[in-house]
PDB file of N, CA and C in Angstrom:
ATOM      1  N   UNK A   1       0.664  -1.036   0.090  1.00  0.00           N
ATOM      2  CA  UNK A   1       0.163  -0.319   0.128  1.00  0.00           C
ATOM      3  C   UNK A   1       0.990   1.174   0.267  1.00  0.00           C
ATOM      4  N   UNK A   2       2.055   1.155   0.626  1.00  0.00           N
ATOM      5  CA  UNK A   2       2.818   2.354   0.286  1.00  0.00           C
ATOM      6  C   UNK A   2       3.319   3.130  -0.713  1.00  0.00           C
ATOM      7  N   UNK A   3       3.543   1.898  -2.062  1.00  0.00           N
ATOM      8  CA  UNK A   3       3.815   2.098  -3.258  1.00  0.00           C
ATOM      9  C   UNK A   3       2.736   2.851  -3.768  1.00  0.00           C
ATOM     10  N   UNK A   4       1.309   2.329  -3.708  1.00  0.00           N
ATOM     11  CA  UNK A   4       0.333   3.178  -4.069  1.00  0.00           C
ATOM     12  C   UNK A   4       0.091   4.746  -3.658  1.00  0.00           C
ATOM     13  N   UNK A   5       0.429   4.404  -2.817  1.00  0.00           N
ATOM     14  CA  UNK A   5      -0.236   6.107  -2.136  1.00  0.00           C
ATOM     15  C   UNK A   5       1.232   6.745  -2.722  1.00  0.00           C
ATOM     16  N   UNK A   6       2.161   6.644  -2.554  1.00  0.00           N
ATOM     17  CA  UNK A   6       3.525   7.280  -3.174  1.00  0.00           C
ATOM     18  C   UNK A   6       3.401   7.780  -4.262  1.00  0.00           C
ATOM     19  N   UNK A   7       3.035   6.574  -5.080  1.00  0.00           N
ATOM     20  CA  UNK A   7       2.657   6.829  -7.119  1.00  0.00           C
ATOM     21  C   UNK A   7       1.774   7.734  -7.165  1.00  0.00           C
ATOM     22  N   UNK A   8       0.610   7.345  -6.015  1.00  0.00           N
ATOM     23  CA  UNK A   8      -0.620   8.223  -6.226  1.00  0.00           C
ATOM     24  C   UNK A   8      -0.671   9.643  -5.878  1.00  0.00           C
ATOM     25  N   UNK A   9       0.683   9.413  -5.074  1.00  0.00           N
ATOM     26  CA  UNK A   9       0.860  10.790  -4.103  1.00  0.00           C
ATOM     27  C   UNK A   9       1.586  11.638  -5.103  1.00  0.00           C
ATOM     28  N   UNK A  10       2.601  11.148  -6.040  1.00  0.00           N
ATOM     29  CA  UNK A  10       3.340  11.951  -6.943  1.00  0.00           C
ATOM     30  C   UNK A  10       2.491  12.357  -8.316  1.00  0.00           C
ATOM     31  N   UNK A  11       1.443  11.184  -8.779  1.00  0.00           N
ATOM     32  CA  UNK A  11       0.930  11.408  -9.798  1.00  0.00           C
ATOM     33  C   UNK A  11       0.118  12.498  -9.979  1.00  0.00           C
ATOM     34  N   UNK A  12      -0.889  12.772  -8.632  1.00  0.00           N
ATOM     35  CA  UNK A  12      -1.932  13.655  -8.330  1.00  0.00           C
ATOM     36  C   UNK A  12      -0.849  15.160  -8.026  1.00  0.00           C
ATOM     37  N   UNK A  13       0.540  15.598  -7.669  1.00  0.00           N
ATOM     38  CA  UNK A  13       1.296  16.198  -7.110  1.00  0.00           C
ATOM     39  C   UNK A  13       1.611  16.861  -8.533  1.00  0.00           C
ATOM     40  N   UNK A  14       2.186  16.122  -9.544  1.00  0.00           N
ATOM     41  CA  UNK A  14       2.562  16.787 -11.126  1.00  0.00           C
ATOM     42  C   UNK A  14       1.224  17.445 -11.824  1.00  0.00           C
ATOM     43  N   UNK A  15      -0.165  16.655 -11.666  1.00  0.00           N
ATOM     44  CA  UNK A  15      -0.991  17.164 -12.276  1.00  0.00           C
ATOM     45  C   UNK A  15      -1.458  18.494 -11.867  1.00  0.00           C
ATOM     46  N   UNK A  16      -1.746  18.557 -10.485  1.00  0.00           N
ATOM     47  CA  UNK A  16      -1.462  20.083  -9.853  1.00  0.00           C
ATOM     48  C   UNK A  16      -0.849  20.624 -10.166  1.00  0.00           C
ATOM     49  N   UNK A  17       0.351  20.489 -10.061  1.00  0.00           N
ATOM     50  CA  UNK A  17       1.588  21.170 -10.377  1.00  0.00           C
ATOM     51  C   UNK A  17       1.547  22.067 -12.006  1.00  0.00           C
ATOM     52  N   UNK A  18       0.949  21.203 -12.897  1.00  0.00           N
ATOM     53  CA  UNK A  18       0.470  21.347 -14.421  1.00  0.00           C
ATOM     54  C   UNK A  18      -0.496  22.391 -14.362  1.00  0.00           C
ATOM     55  N   UNK A  19      -1.419  21.944 -13.956  1.00  0.00           N
ATOM     56  CA  UNK A  19      -2.663  22.901 -13.932  1.00  0.00           C
ATOM     57  C   UNK A  19      -2.179  24.464 -13.065  1.00  0.00           C
ATOM     58  N   UNK A  20      -1.567  23.925 -12.516  1.00  0.00           N
ATOM     59  CA  UNK A  20      -1.430  25.568 -11.820  1.00  0.00           C
ATOM     60  C   UNK A  20      -0.242  27.003 -12.735  1.00  0.00           C
ATOM     61  N   UNK A  21       0.525  25.972 -13.206  1.00  0.00           N
ATOM     62  CA  UNK A  21       1.912  26.269 -13.987  1.00  0.00           C
ATOM     63  C   UNK A  21       1.007  26.684 -14.988  1.00  0.00           C
ATOM     64  N   UNK A  22       0.388  26.242 -15.741  1.00  0.00           N
ATOM     65  CA  UNK A  22       0.143  26.250 -16.691  1.00  0.00           C
ATOM     66  C   UNK A  22      -1.401  27.382 -17.380  1.00  0.00           C
ATOM     67  N   UNK A  23      -1.785  27.490 -16.451  1.00  0.00           N
ATOM     68  CA  UNK A  23      -2.991  28.609 -16.498  1.00  0.00           C
ATOM     69  C   UNK A  23      -2.701  29.715 -16.746  1.00  0.00           C
ATOM     70  N   UNK A  24      -1.407  30.362 -15.795  1.00  0.00           N
ATOM     71  CA  UNK A  24      -1.131  31.534 -16.398  1.00  0.00           C
ATOM     72  C   UNK A  24      -0.443  31.691 -18.142  1.00  0.00           C
ATOM     73  N   UNK A  25       0.283  30.778 -18.207  1.00  0.00           N
ATOM     74  CA  UNK A  25       0.471  30.652 -19.815  1.00  0.00           C
ATOM     75  C   UNK A  25      -0.231  30.431 -20.830  1.00  0.00           C
ATOM     76  N   UNK A  26      -1.460  29.999 -20.636  1.00  0.00           N
ATOM     77  CA  UNK A  26      -2.262  30.038 -21.432  1.00  0.00           C
ATOM     78  C   UNK A  26      -3.346  31.256 -21.149  1.00  0.00           C
ATOM     79  N   UNK A  27      -3.204  32.120 -20.564  1.00  0.00           N
ATOM     80  CA  UNK A  27      -4.060  33.282 -20.254  1.00  0.00           C
ATOM     81  C   UNK A  27      -3.717  34.593 -21.063  1.00  0.00           C
ATOM     82  N   UNK A  28      -2.100  34.189 -21.414  1.00  0.00           N
ATOM     83  CA  UNK A  28      -1.525  35.240 -21.687  1.00  0.00           C
ATOM     84  C   UNK A  28      -0.780  34.916 -23.469  1.00  0.00           C
ATOM     85  N   UNK A  29      -0.935  33.800 -23.360  1.00  0.00           N
ATOM     86  CA  UNK A  29      -0.729  32.961 -24.911  1.00  0.00           C
ATOM     87  C   UNK A  29      -1.460  33.387 -26.170  1.00  0.00           C
ATOM     88  N   UNK A  30      -1.320  34.074 -27.226  1.00  0.00           N
ATOM     89  CA  UNK A  30      -1.432  34.545 -28.869  1.00  0.00           C
ATOM     90  C   UNK A  30      -1.897  33.075 -29.226  1.00  0.00           C
ATOM     91  N   UNK A  31      -0.892  32.033 -29.262  1.00  0.00           N
ATOM     92  CA  UNK A  31      -1.197  30.837 -29.960  1.00  0.00           C
ATOM     93  C   UNK A  31      -2.529  29.648 -29.781  1.00  0.00           C
ATOM     94  N   UNK A  32      -2.814  29.023 -30.669  1.00  0.00           N
ATOM     95  CA  UNK A  32      -3.888  28.219 -30.736  1.00  0.00           C
ATOM     96  C   UNK A  32      -3.820  26.984 -31.106  1.00  0.00           C
ATOM     97  N   UNK A  33      -4.163  25.912 -31.082  1.00  0.00           N
ATOM     98  CA  UNK A  33      -3.723  24.693 -31.285  1.00  0.00           C
ATOM     99  C   UNK A  33      -3.257  23.742 -29.958  1.00  0.00           C
ATOM    100  N   UNK A  34      -3.349  22.596 -30.752  1.00  0.00           N
ATOM    101  CA  UNK A  34      -3.166  21.380 -29.643  1.00  0.00           C
ATOM    102  C   UNK A  34      -1.180  21.790 -29.869  1.00  0.00           C
ATOM    103  N   UNK A  35      -0.780  21.628 -30.479  1.00  0.00           N
ATOM    104  CA  UNK A  35       0.772  22.000 -30.801  1.00  0.00           C
ATOM    105  C   UNK A  35       1.191  23.412 -29.434  1.00  0.00           C
ATOM    106  N   UNK A  36       0.283  24.148 -29.458  1.00  0.00           N
ATOM    107  CA  UNK A  36       1.016  25.751 -28.705  1.00  0.00           C
ATOM    108  C   UNK A  36       0.304  25.153 -26.763  1.00  0.00           C
ATOM    109  N   UNK A  37      -0.560  24.125 -27.053  1.00  0.00           N
ATOM    110  CA  UNK A  37      -0.682  23.551 -25.475  1.00  0.00           C
ATOM    111  C   UNK A  37       0.575  22.424 -24.683  1.00  0.00           C
ATOM    112  N   UNK A  38       0.858  21.913 -25.863  1.00  0.00           N
ATOM    113  CA  UNK A  38       2.048  20.866 -25.597  1.00  0.00           C
ATOM    114  C   UNK A  38       3.189  21.744 -25.490  1.00  0.00           C
ATOM    115  N   UNK A  39       3.521  22.686 -26.117  1.00  0.00           N
ATOM    116  CA  UNK A  39       4.995  23.601 -26.150  1.00  0.00           C
ATOM    117  C   UNK A  39       4.657  24.456 -24.745  1.00  0.00           C
ATOM    118  N   UNK A  40       3.316  24.785 -24.865  1.00  0.00           N
ATOM    119  CA  UNK A  40       3.640  25.425 -23.411  1.00  0.00           C
ATOM    120  C   UNK A  40       3.445  24.879 -22.015  1.00  0.00           C
ATOM    121  N   UNK A  41       3.079  22.912 -21.784  1.00  0.00           N
ATOM    122  CA  UNK A  41       2.898  22.352 -20.912  1.00  0.00           C
ATOM    123  C   UNK A  41       4.418  22.023 -20.624  1.00  0.00           C
ATOM    124  N   UNK A  42       4.768  21.691 -21.683  1.00  0.00           N
ATOM    125  CA  UNK A  42       6.364  21.662 -21.658  1.00  0.00           C
ATOM    126  C   UNK A  42       7.213  22.847 -21.210  1.00  0.00           C
ATOM    127  N   UNK A  43       7.378  23.993 -21.570  1.00  0.00           N
ATOM    128  CA  UNK A  43       7.674  25.156 -21.160  1.00  0.00           C
ATOM    129  C   UNK A  43       7.595  25.046 -19.294  1.00  0.00           C
ATOM    130  N   UNK A  44       6.227  25.195 -18.924  1.00  0.00           N
ATOM    131  CA  UNK A  44       6.018  25.268 -17.756  1.00  0.00           C
ATOM    132  C   UNK A  44       6.680  23.808 -16.948  1.00  0.00           C
ATOM    133  N   UNK A  45       7.220  22.981 -17.359  1.00  0.00           N
ATOM    134  CA  UNK A  45       7.729  21.755 -16.888  1.00  0.00           C
ATOM    135  C   UNK A  45       9.043  22.462 -16.111  1.00  0.00           C
ATOM    136  N   UNK A  46       9.574  23.544 -17.412  1.00  0.00           N
ATOM    137  CA  UNK A  46      11.016  24.045 -16.339  1.00  0.00           C
ATOM    138  C   UNK A  46      11.059  25.508 -15.842  1.00  0.00           C
ATOM    139  N   UNK A  47       9.847  25.912 -15.268  1.00  0.00           N
ATOM    140  CA  UNK A  47       9.256  26.688 -14.515  1.00  0.00           C
ATOM    141  C   UNK A  47       9.476  26.193 -12.737  1.00  0.00           C
ATOM    142  N   UNK A  48      10.719  27.070 -11.795  1.00  0.00           N
ATOM    143  CA  UNK A  48      10.468  26.783 -10.945  1.00  0.00           C
ATOM    144  C   UNK A  48       8.929  27.102  -9.821  1.00  0.00           C
ATOM    145  N   UNK A  49       8.478  27.433 -10.248  1.00  0.00           N
ATOM    146  CA  UNK A  49       6.806  27.642  -9.716  1.00  0.00           C
ATOM    147  C   UNK A  49       6.436  26.198  -9.624  1.00  0.00           C
ATOM    148  N   UNK A  50       6.346  25.082 -11.123  1.00  0.00           N
ATOM    149  CA  UNK A  50       5.978  24.086 -10.683  1.00  0.00           C
ATOM    150  C   UNK A  50       6.600  23.216 -10.420  1.00  0.00           C
ATOM    151  N   UNK A  51       8.006  23.571  -9.958  1.00  0.00           N
ATOM    152  CA  UNK A  51       8.763  22.039  -9.043  1.00  0.00           C
ATOM    153  C   UNK A  51       7.908  22.554  -7.561  1.00  0.00           C
ATOM    154  N   UNK A  52       8.193  23.798  -7.089  1.00  0.00           N
ATOM    155  CA  UNK A  52       7.441  24.219  -5.622  1.00  0.00           C
ATOM    156  C   UNK A  52       5.909  23.544  -5.473  1.00  0.00           C
ATOM    157  N   UNK A  53       5.121  24.016  -6.532  1.00  0.00           N
ATOM    158  CA  UNK A  53       3.687  23.526  -6.272  1.00  0.00           C
ATOM    159  C   UNK A  53       4.108  21.520  -6.211  1.00  0.00           C
ATOM    160  N   UNK A  54       4.921  21.221  -6.944  1.00  0.00           N
ATOM    161  CA  UNK A  54       4.649  19.849  -7.099  1.00  0.00           C
ATOM    162  C   UNK A  54       5.051  19.416  -5.588  1.00  0.00           C
ATOM    163  N   UNK A  55       6.520  19.439  -5.385  1.00  0.00           N
ATOM    164  CA  UNK A  55       7.200  19.103  -3.928  1.00  0.00           C
ATOM    165  C   UNK A  55       6.076  19.493  -2.900  1.00  0.00           C
ATOM    166  N   UNK A  56       5.626  20.635  -3.020  1.00  0.00           N
ATOM    167  CA  UNK A  56       4.565  21.355  -1.733  1.00  0.00           C
ATOM    168  C   UNK A  56       3.369  20.197  -1.637  1.00  0.00           C
ATOM    169  N   UNK A  57       3.421  19.694  -2.359  1.00  0.00           N
ATOM    170  CA  UNK A  57       1.738  19.387  -2.792  1.00  0.00           C
ATOM    171  C   UNK A  57       1.717  17.507  -2.804  1.00  0.00           C
ATOM    172  N   UNK A  58       3.145  17.422  -3.544  1.00  0.00           N
ATOM    173  CA  UNK A  58       3.382  15.905  -2.762  1.00  0.00           C
ATOM    174  C   UNK A  58       3.280  15.646  -1.205  1.00  0.00           C
ATOM    175  N   UNK A  59       4.447  16.567  -0.639  1.00  0.00           N
ATOM    176  CA  UNK A  59       4.464  16.455   0.510  1.00  0.00           C
ATOM    177  C   UNK A  59       2.963  16.263   1.671  1.00  0.00           C
ATOM    178  N   UNK A  60       1.919  17.030   1.136  1.00  0.00           N
ATOM    179  CA  UNK A  60       0.895  17.060   1.920  1.00  0.00           C
ATOM    180  C   UNK A  60       0.456  16.231   1.446  1.00  0.00           C
ATOM    181  N   UNK A  61       0.011  15.203  -0.079  1.00  0.00           N
ATOM    182  CA  UNK A  61      -0.596  14.044   0.097  1.00  0.00           C
ATOM    183  C   UNK A  61       0.180  12.861   1.017  1.00  0.00           C
ATOM    184  N   UNK A  62       1.524  12.908   0.765  1.00  0.00           N
ATOM    185  CA  UNK A  62       1.890  11.803   1.111  1.00  0.00           C
ATOM    186  C   UNK A  62       1.660  11.947   3.219  1.00  0.00           C
ATOM    187  N   UNK A  63       1.979  12.759   3.660  1.00  0.00           N
ATOM    188  CA  UNK A  63       2.049  13.035   4.793  1.00  0.00           C
ATOM    189  C   UNK A  63       0.563  12.632   5.136  1.00  0.00           C
ATOM    190  N   UNK A  64      -0.441  12.850   4.193  1.00  0.00           N
ATOM    191  CA  UNK A  64      -1.923  12.753   4.691  1.00  0.00           C
ATOM    192  C   UNK A  64      -2.336  11.510   5.188  1.00  0.00           C
ATOM    193  N   UNK A  65      -1.038  10.854   3.576  1.00  0.00           N
ATOM    194  CA  UNK A  65      -1.808   9.160   3.223  1.00  0.00           C
ATOM    195  C   UNK A  65      -1.416   8.442   4.671  1.00  0.00           C
ATOM    196  N   UNK A  66      -0.197   8.688   5.647  1.00  0.00           N
ATOM    197  CA  UNK A  66       0.065   8.244   6.867  1.00  0.00           C
ATOM    198  C   UNK A  66      -0.678   8.657   8.032  1.00  0.00           C
ATOM    199  N   UNK A  67      -1.602   9.128   7.924  1.00  0.00           N
ATOM    200  CA  UNK A  67      -2.050   9.803   9.378  1.00  0.00           C
ATOM    201  C   UNK A  67      -3.487   9.259   9.679  1.00  0.00           C
ATOM    202  N   UNK A  68      -4.270   9.530  10.707  1.00  0.00           N
ATOM    203  CA  UNK A  68      -5.654   9.181  10.621  1.00  0.00           C
ATOM    204  C   UNK A  68      -6.929   8.750  10.096  1.00  0.00           C
ATOM    205  N   UNK A  69      -7.930   7.800  10.077  1.00  0.00           N
ATOM    206  CA  UNK A  69      -8.198   7.570   8.697  1.00  0.00           C
ATOM    207  C   UNK A  69      -9.306   8.860   8.358  1.00  0.00           C
ATOM    208  N   UNK A  70     -10.071   9.939   9.276  1.00  0.00           N
ATOM    209  CA  UNK A  70     -10.685  10.999   8.317  1.00  0.00           C
ATOM    210  C   UNK A  70      -9.373  12.243   7.536  1.00  0.00           C
ATOM    211  N   UNK A  71      -8.732  11.940   8.422  1.00  0.00           N
ATOM    212  CA  UNK A  71      -7.848  12.658   7.528  1.00  0.00           C
ATOM    213  C   UNK A  71      -6.835  12.551   6.401  1.00  0.00           C
ATOM    214  N   UNK A  72      -7.018  10.663   6.020  1.00  0.00           N
ATOM    215  CA  UNK A  72      -6.576  10.001   5.345  1.00  0.00           C
ATOM    216  C   UNK A  72      -7.378  10.294   4.088  1.00  0.00           C
ATOM    217  N   UNK A  73      -8.418  10.369   4.625  1.00  0.00           N
ATOM    218  CA  UNK A  73      -9.879  10.227   3.582  1.00  0.00           C
ATOM    219  C   UNK A  73     -10.201  11.899   2.606  1.00  0.00           C
ATOM    220  N   UNK A  74      -9.987  12.430   3.893  1.00  0.00           N
ATOM    221  CA  UNK A  74     -10.218  14.127   3.167  1.00  0.00           C
ATOM    222  C   UNK A  74      -9.712  14.918   2.419  1.00  0.00           C
ATOM    223  N   UNK A  75      -8.025  14.314   3.124  1.00  0.00           N
ATOM    224  CA  UNK A  75      -6.419  14.906   2.347  1.00  0.00           C
ATOM    225  C   UNK A  75      -5.709  14.266   1.307  1.00  0.00           C
ATOM    226  N   UNK A  76      -6.481  12.953   1.341  1.00  0.00           N
ATOM    227  CA  UNK A  76      -5.100  11.911   0.682  1.00  0.00           C
ATOM    228  C   UNK A  76      -6.163  11.310  -0.704  1.00  0.00           C
ATOM    229  N   UNK A  77      -7.292  10.809  -0.281  1.00  0.00           N
ATOM    230  CA  UNK A  77      -7.891  10.015  -1.028  1.00  0.00           C
ATOM    231  C   UNK A  77      -8.945  10.371  -1.703  1.00  0.00           C
ATOM    232  N   UNK A  78      -9.842  11.504  -1.594  1.00  0.00           N
ATOM    233  CA  UNK A  78     -10.450  12.251  -2.189  1.00  0.00           C
ATOM    234  C   UNK A  78      -9.566  13.049  -3.077  1.00  0.00           C
ATOM    235  N   UNK A  79      -8.776  13.778  -2.583  1.00  0.00           N
ATOM    236  CA  UNK A  79      -8.159  14.759  -3.975  1.00  0.00           C
ATOM    237  C   UNK A  79      -7.025  13.995  -5.007  1.00  0.00           C
ATOM    238  N   UNK A  80      -6.918  13.238  -4.247  1.00  0.00           N
ATOM    239  CA  UNK A  80      -5.497  12.008  -5.368  1.00  0.00           C
ATOM    240  C   UNK A  80      -6.519  11.545  -6.055  1.00  0.00           C
ATOM    241  N   UNK A  81      -7.531  10.876  -5.976  1.00  0.00           N
ATOM    242  CA  UNK A  81      -8.542  10.049  -6.821  1.00  0.00           C
ATOM    243  C   UNK A  81      -8.906  11.301  -8.035  1.00  0.00           C
ATOM    244  N   UNK A  82      -9.771  11.955  -7.251  1.00  0.00           N
ATOM    245  CA  UNK A  82     -10.059  12.666  -8.145  1.00  0.00           C
ATOM    246  C   UNK A  82      -9.058  13.604  -9.405  1.00  0.00           C
ATOM    247  N   UNK A  83      -8.128  14.290  -8.530  1.00  0.00           N
ATOM    248  CA  UNK A  83      -7.475  15.016  -9.985  1.00  0.00           C
ATOM    249  C   UNK A  83      -6.448  13.661 -10.895  1.00  0.00           C
ATOM    250  N   UNK A  84      -6.242  12.449 -10.258  1.00  0.00           N
ATOM    251  CA  UNK A  84      -6.065  11.569 -11.327  1.00  0.00           C
ATOM    252  C   UNK A  84      -7.244  10.915 -12.320  1.00  0.00           C
ATOM    253  N   UNK A  85      -8.233  10.752 -11.656  1.00  0.00           N
ATOM    254  CA  UNK A  85      -9.467  10.575 -12.501  1.00  0.00           C
ATOM    255  C   UNK A  85      -9.267  11.678 -13.909  1.00  0.00           C
ATOM    256  N   UNK A  86      -9.215  12.556 -12.928  1.00  0.00           N
ATOM    257  CA  UNK A  86      -9.631  13.997 -14.601  1.00  0.00           C
ATOM    258  C   UNK A  86      -8.460  14.192 -15.233  1.00  0.00           C
ATOM    259  N   UNK A  87      -6.775  13.622 -14.751  1.00  0.00           N
ATOM    260  CA  UNK A  87      -5.947  13.870 -15.527  1.00  0.00           C
ATOM    261  C   UNK A  87      -6.080  12.978 -16.486  1.00  0.00           C
ATOM    262  N   UNK A  88      -6.774  11.337 -16.127  1.00  0.00           N
ATOM    263  CA  UNK A  88      -6.506  10.394 -17.121  1.00  0.00           C
ATOM    264  C   UNK A  88      -7.527  10.841 -18.002  1.00  0.00           C
ATOM    265  N   UNK A  89      -8.678  10.971 -17.336  1.00  0.00           N
ATOM    266  CA  UNK A  89      -9.993  11.575 -18.628  1.00  0.00           C
ATOM    267  C   UNK A  89      -9.405  12.516 -20.030  1.00  0.00           C
ATOM    268  N   UNK A  90      -8.361  13.406 -19.344  1.00  0.00           N
ATOM    269  CA  UNK A  90      -7.913  14.806 -20.146  1.00  0.00           C
ATOM    270  C   UNK A  90      -7.343  13.796 -21.236  1.00  0.00           C
ATOM    271  N   UNK A  91      -6.305  12.702 -20.787  1.00  0.00           N
ATOM    272  CA  UNK A  91      -5.174  12.408 -21.709  1.00  0.00           C
ATOM    273  C   UNK A  91      -5.747  11.369 -22.363  1.00  0.00           C
ATOM    274  N   UNK A  92      -7.328  10.354 -22.284  1.00  0.00           N
ATOM    275  CA  UNK A  92      -7.983   9.790 -23.023  1.00  0.00           C
ATOM    276  C   UNK A  92      -8.647  10.607 -23.754  1.00  0.00           C
ATOM    277  N   UNK A  93      -9.095  11.917 -23.770  1.00  0.00           N
ATOM    278  CA  UNK A  93     -10.071  12.804 -24.842  1.00  0.00           C
ATOM    279  C   UNK A  93      -9.166  13.177 -25.693  1.00  0.00           C
ATOM    280  N   UNK A  94      -7.664  13.630 -25.450  1.00  0.00           N
ATOM    281  CA  UNK A  94      -6.595  13.865 -25.822  1.00  0.00           C
ATOM    282  C   UNK A  94      -6.398  12.855 -26.941  1.00  0.00           C
ATOM    283  N   UNK A  95      -5.841  11.687 -26.331  1.00  0.00           N
ATOM    284  CA  UNK A  95      -5.907  10.912 -27.367  1.00  0.00           C
ATOM    285  C   UNK A  95      -7.193  10.161 -28.681  1.00  0.00           C
ATOM    286  N   UNK A  96      -8.368  10.355 -27.950  1.00  0.00           N
ATOM    287  CA  UNK A  96      -9.446   9.641 -28.830  1.00  0.00           C
ATOM    288  C   UNK A  96      -9.147  10.722 -29.704  1.00  0.00           C
ATOM    289  N   UNK A  97      -9.260  12.585 -29.518  1.00  0.00           N
ATOM    290  CA  UNK A  97      -9.546  13.390 -30.805  1.00  0.00           C
ATOM    291  C   UNK A  97      -8.420  12.965 -31.748  1.00  0.00           C
ATOM    292  N   UNK A  98      -6.996  12.554 -31.026  1.00  0.00           N
ATOM    293  CA  UNK A  98      -6.208  12.423 -31.959  1.00  0.00           C
ATOM    294  C   UNK A  98      -6.053  11.282 -33.099  1.00  0.00           C
ATOM    295  N   UNK A  99      -6.886  10.331 -32.276  1.00  0.00           N
ATOM    296  CA  UNK A  99      -7.163   9.328 -33.420  1.00  0.00           C
ATOM    297  C   UNK A  99      -8.325   9.493 -34.090  1.00  0.00           C
ATOM    298  N   UNK A 100      -9.227   9.843 -33.699  1.00  0.00           N
ATOM    299  CA  UNK A 100     -10.156  10.717 -34.785  1.00  0.00           C
ATOM    300  C   UNK A 100     -10.028  11.525 -36.154  1.00  0.00           C
ATOM    301  N   UNK A 101      -8.717  12.542 -35.418  1.00  0.00           N
ATOM    302  CA  UNK A 101      -8.282  13.770 -36.426  1.00  0.00           C
ATOM    303  C   UNK A 101      -7.774  12.894 -37.702  1.00  0.00           C
ATOM    304  N   UNK A 102      -6.898  11.628 -37.043  1.00  0.00           N
ATOM    305  CA  UNK A 102      -6.451  11.281 -38.379  1.00  0.00           C
ATOM    306  C   UNK A 102      -6.757  10.301 -39.524  1.00  0.00           C
ATOM    307  N   UNK A 103      -8.180  10.018 -39.053  1.00  0.00           N
ATOM    308  CA  UNK A 103      -9.018   9.153 -39.960  1.00  0.00           C
ATOM    309  C   UNK A 103      -9.678   9.942 -41.041  1.00  0.00           C
ATOM    310  N   UNK A 104      -9.538  11.162 -40.759  1.00  0.00           N
ATOM    311  CA  UNK A 104      -9.875  12.015 -41.593  1.00  0.00           C
ATOM    312  C   UNK A 104      -8.941  13.277 -42.844  1.00  0.00           C
TER     313      UNK A 104
END
């Protein structure tokens, strides 16, 4: 179970940090299209704010995963499962759109 909580904490921390750091870049960007979003997301990974948010949210999730039951449910299971599900849904939607656009 320790491996699952660590992996889920890391995945959720990276997705939260990506959303937190990508949002200001998207707001001020003049570029459009999927390539622009991918380029901006790669650019945000190298930003120090990304790593600060990722490390802090990972520490919060990983610490909450080792505490008592109610704290673990409120600060680990609910946020990490919701963020991971939304991240996988977004990746699945992008893959579906990519596959559908290649056939036309």
